[in-house]
Amino acid sequence: MHLPEDLYYTESHEWISIQDGIATIGITDFAQSELGEIVFVELPEVGTKVSADEPCGSIEAVKAVEDLIAPLSGTVEEKNVDLEDSPEIINESAFEEGWLFKIRMSAPEEVEKLMSALDYRRMVEG
């Protein structure tokens, strides 16, 4: 399982990269492999306010439809429009080209509740 050490993780299998108050969010390699072939994503629109631990979109795979949970609160600054026509990018490159959206954090202290790569690995490996 590919798991970059410099990212944060959630129990709902999102990864988060933070730079200059902007959080880039995607789903983990583990999550995309569990879902299987991803066929559609619904991402929050730019300008939308999202709240930590609340649904803000969905990911549809051949096997299931899962809610996309916002890991942090903030305003959506950008969404990965490439995924609208090619959602399979998430399967091919979950941590690089398959990012989902970026938010400007409104409550940076929420980062403290996110997991490290080690904690996430322990969770998924049980």
C-alpha atoms as a PDB file:
ATOM      1  CA  MET A   1       0.000   0.000   0.000  1.00  0.00           C
ATOM      2  CA  HIS A   2       1.426   3.345  -1.113  1.00  0.00           C
ATOM      3  CA  LEU A   3       1.214   5.832   1.771  1.00  0.00           C
ATOM      4  CA  PRO A   4       3.148   9.129   1.601  1.00  0.00           C
ATOM      5  CA  GLU A   5       4.524  10.033   5.029  1.00  0.00           C
ATOM      6  CA  ASP A   6       4.145  13.801   4.573  1.00  0.00           C
ATOM      7  CA  LEU A   7       0.329  13.764   4.328  1.00  0.00           C
ATOM      8  CA  TYR A   8      -2.471  13.675   6.885  1.00  0.00           C
ATOM      9  CA  TYR A   9      -5.233  11.034   6.809  1.00  0.00           C
ATOM     10  CA  THR A  10      -8.792  10.466   8.036  1.00  0.00           C
ATOM     11  CA  GLU A  11     -10.759   7.449   9.207  1.00  0.00           C
ATOM     12  CA  SER A  12     -12.964   7.920   6.127  1.00  0.00           C
ATOM     13  CA  HIS A  13      -9.871   7.366   3.905  1.00  0.00           C
ATOM     14  CA  GLU A  14      -9.127  10.884   2.689  1.00  0.00           C
ATOM     15  CA  TRP A  15      -5.602  12.247   2.460  1.00  0.00           C
ATOM     16  CA  ILE A  16      -4.767  15.904   3.071  1.00  0.00           C
ATOM     17  CA  SER A  17      -1.763  17.972   2.028  1.00  0.00           C
ATOM     18  CA  ILE A  18      -1.508  21.431   3.602  1.00  0.00           C
ATOM     19  CA  GLN A  19       0.427  24.363   2.176  1.00  0.00           C
ATOM     20  CA  ASP A  20      -0.013  28.054   3.013  1.00  0.00           C
ATOM     21  CA  GLY A  21      -3.485  27.583   4.510  1.00  0.00           C
ATOM     22  CA  ILE A  22      -4.751  25.570   1.518  1.00  0.00           C
ATOM     23  CA  ALA A  23      -5.643  21.911   2.028  1.00  0.00           C
ATOM     24  CA  THR A  24      -5.550  19.620  -1.005  1.00  0.00           C
ATOM     25  CA  ILE A  25      -7.808  16.608  -0.492  1.00  0.00           C
ATOM     26  CA  GLY A  26      -8.027  13.223  -2.172  1.00  0.00           C
ATOM     27  CA  ILE A  27      -8.826   9.626  -1.330  1.00  0.00           C
ATOM     28  CA  THR A  28      -6.137   7.174  -0.351  1.00  0.00           C
ATOM     29  CA  ASP A  29      -4.679   4.414  -2.476  1.00  0.00           C
ATOM     30  CA  PHE A  30      -6.282   1.948  -0.043  1.00  0.00           C
ATOM     31  CA  ALA A  31      -9.718   3.553  -0.568  1.00  0.00           C
ATOM     32  CA  GLN A  32      -9.519   3.521  -4.357  1.00  0.00           C
ATOM     33  CA  SER A  33      -8.419  -0.133  -4.353  1.00  0.00           C
ATOM     34  CA  GLU A  34     -11.316  -1.082  -2.052  1.00  0.00           C
ATOM     35  CA  LEU A  35     -13.805   0.810  -4.235  1.00  0.00           C
ATOM     36  CA  GLY A  36     -12.542  -0.656  -7.488  1.00  0.00           C
ATOM     37  CA  GLU A  37     -13.079   1.077 -10.815  1.00  0.00           C
ATOM     38  CA  ILE A  38     -14.232   4.654 -10.162  1.00  0.00           C
ATOM     39  CA  VAL A  39     -16.792   5.753 -12.742  1.00  0.00           C
ATOM     40  CA  PHE A  40     -18.083   9.125 -11.460  1.00  0.00           C
ATOM     41  CA  VAL A  41     -17.240  11.813  -8.909  1.00  0.00           C
ATOM     42  CA  GLU A  42     -19.382  14.633  -7.594  1.00  0.00           C
ATOM     43  CA  LEU A  43     -17.174  17.343  -6.136  1.00  0.00           C
ATOM     44  CA  PRO A  44     -18.145  20.497  -4.232  1.00  0.00           C
ATOM     45  CA  GLU A  45     -18.306  23.639  -6.354  1.00  0.00           C
ATOM     46  CA  VAL A  46     -15.733  26.427  -6.028  1.00  0.00           C
ATOM     47  CA  GLY A  47     -16.923  28.901  -3.402  1.00  0.00           C
ATOM     48  CA  THR A  48     -18.856  26.272  -1.430  1.00  0.00           C
ATOM     49  CA  LYS A  49     -18.296  26.242   2.328  1.00  0.00           C
ATOM     50  CA  VAL A  50     -17.617  22.751   3.680  1.00  0.00           C
ATOM     51  CA  SER A  51     -17.613  21.570   7.287  1.00  0.00           C
ATOM     52  CA  ALA A  52     -15.278  19.006   8.823  1.00  0.00           C
ATOM     53  CA  ASP A  53     -16.747  15.496   9.028  1.00  0.00           C
ATOM     54  CA  GLU A  54     -19.730  16.396   6.800  1.00  0.00           C
ATOM     55  CA  PRO A  55     -20.498  14.965   3.335  1.00  0.00           C
ATOM     56  CA  CYS A  56     -19.565  17.335   0.494  1.00  0.00           C
ATOM     57  CA  GLY A  57     -19.746  15.116  -2.576  1.00  0.00           C
ATOM     58  CA  SER A  58     -19.631  11.499  -3.652  1.00  0.00           C
ATOM     59  CA  ILE A  59     -17.512   8.927  -5.409  1.00  0.00           C
ATOM     60  CA  GLU A  60     -19.213   6.281  -7.507  1.00  0.00           C
ATOM     61  CA  ALA A  61     -17.489   3.033  -8.358  1.00  0.00           C
ATOM     62  CA  VAL A  62     -18.727  -0.097 -10.071  1.00  0.00           C
ATOM     63  CA  LYS A  63     -19.156  -1.694  -6.618  1.00  0.00           C
ATOM     64  CA  ALA A  64     -20.589   1.170  -4.534  1.00  0.00           C
ATOM     65  CA  VAL A  65     -21.317   4.865  -4.066  1.00  0.00           C
ATOM     66  CA  GLU A  66     -19.545   6.491  -1.128  1.00  0.00           C
ATOM     67  CA  ASP A  67     -19.944   9.938   0.399  1.00  0.00           C
ATOM     68  CA  LEU A  68     -16.951  12.202   0.181  1.00  0.00           C
ATOM     69  CA  ILE A  69     -16.378  13.570   3.691  1.00  0.00           C
ATOM     70  CA  ALA A  70     -14.732  16.958   4.186  1.00  0.00           C
ATOM     71  CA  PRO A  71     -11.747  16.411   6.512  1.00  0.00           C
ATOM     72  CA  LEU A  72     -11.511  20.098   7.397  1.00  0.00           C
ATOM     73  CA  SER A  73     -13.757  23.161   7.381  1.00  0.00           C
ATOM     74  CA  GLY A  74     -13.256  25.886   4.815  1.00  0.00           C
ATOM     75  CA  THR A  75     -14.171  27.281   1.416  1.00  0.00           C
ATOM     76  CA  VAL A  76     -13.556  25.339  -1.792  1.00  0.00           C
ATOM     77  CA  GLU A  77     -10.890  27.152  -3.812  1.00  0.00           C
ATOM     78  CA  GLU A  78     -10.493  24.678  -6.671  1.00  0.00           C
ATOM     79  CA  LYS A  79     -11.786  21.313  -7.836  1.00  0.00           C
ATOM     80  CA  ASN A  80     -10.080  18.827 -10.122  1.00  0.00           C
ATOM     81  CA  VAL A  81     -12.125  19.318 -13.293  1.00  0.00           C
ATOM     82  CA  ASP A  82     -10.136  16.577 -15.070  1.00  0.00           C
ATOM     83  CA  LEU A  83     -12.034  14.033 -12.960  1.00  0.00           C
ATOM     84  CA  GLU A  84     -15.374  15.027 -14.510  1.00  0.00           C
ATOM     85  CA  ASP A  85     -14.424  13.353 -17.806  1.00  0.00           C
ATOM     86  CA  SER A  86     -11.828  10.912 -16.462  1.00  0.00           C
ATOM     87  CA  PRO A  87     -12.665   9.751 -12.913  1.00  0.00           C
ATOM     88  CA  GLU A  88     -10.420   6.719 -13.402  1.00  0.00           C
ATOM     89  CA  ILE A  89      -7.456   9.068 -12.803  1.00  0.00           C
ATOM     90  CA  ILE A  90      -8.145   8.451  -9.092  1.00  0.00           C
ATOM     91  CA  ASN A  91      -7.480   4.724  -9.582  1.00  0.00           C
ATOM     92  CA  GLU A  92      -4.327   5.417 -11.564  1.00  0.00           C
ATOM     93  CA  SER A  93      -2.852   8.206  -9.424  1.00  0.00           C
ATOM     94  CA  ALA A  94      -4.670   8.611  -6.095  1.00  0.00           C
ATOM     95  CA  PHE A  95      -1.969  10.809  -4.535  1.00  0.00           C
ATOM     96  CA  GLU A  96      -0.907  12.887  -7.545  1.00  0.00           C
ATOM     97  CA  GLU A  97      -3.208  13.651 -10.507  1.00  0.00           C
ATOM     98  CA  GLY A  98      -6.221  12.137  -8.702  1.00  0.00           C
ATOM     99  CA  TRP A  99      -6.594  14.873  -6.076  1.00  0.00           C
ATOM    100  CA  LEU A 100     -10.232  15.925  -5.616  1.00  0.00           C
ATOM    101  CA  PHE A 101     -10.487  19.512  -4.375  1.00  0.00           C
ATOM    102  CA  LYS A 102      -8.691  22.257  -2.454  1.00  0.00           C
ATOM    103  CA  ILE A 103     -10.053  24.323   0.404  1.00  0.00           C
ATOM    104  CA  ARG A 104      -8.905  27.445   2.208  1.00  0.00           C
ATOM    105  CA  MET A 105      -9.044  26.301   5.808  1.00  0.00           C
ATOM    106  CA  SER A 106     -11.256  28.300   8.172  1.00  0.00           C
ATOM    107  CA  ALA A 107     -10.277  26.362  11.319  1.00  0.00           C
ATOM    108  CA  PRO A 108      -6.600  25.333  11.069  1.00  0.00           C
ATOM    109  CA  GLU A 109      -6.759  23.779  14.549  1.00  0.00           C
ATOM    110  CA  GLU A 110      -8.844  20.944  13.034  1.00  0.00           C
ATOM    111  CA  VAL A 111      -5.597  19.555  11.584  1.00  0.00           C
ATOM    112  CA  GLU A 112      -4.801  18.257  15.083  1.00  0.00           C
ATOM    113  CA  LYS A 113      -7.533  15.591  14.787  1.00  0.00           C
ATOM    114  CA  LEU A 114      -6.126  14.128  11.546  1.00  0.00           C
ATOM    115  CA  MET A 115      -4.034  10.960  11.513  1.00  0.00           C
ATOM    116  CA  SER A 116      -0.396  10.499  10.593  1.00  0.00           C
ATOM    117  CA  ALA A 117       0.603   7.969   7.927  1.00  0.00           C
ATOM    118  CA  LEU A 118       1.626   5.555  10.695  1.00  0.00           C
ATOM    119  CA  ASP A 119      -1.739   5.865  12.481  1.00  0.00           C
ATOM    120  CA  TYR A 120      -3.624   5.406   9.206  1.00  0.00           C
ATOM    121  CA  ARG A 121      -1.563   2.323   8.306  1.00  0.00           C
ATOM    122  CA  ARG A 122      -2.307   0.819  11.722  1.00  0.00           C
ATOM    123  CA  MET A 123      -6.019   1.467  11.218  1.00  0.00           C
ATOM    124  CA  VAL A 124      -6.304  -0.169   7.786  1.00  0.00           C
ATOM    125  CA  GLU A 125      -4.040  -3.092   8.616  1.00  0.00           C
ATOM    126  CA  GLY A 126      -6.022  -3.687  11.820  1.00  0.00           C
END
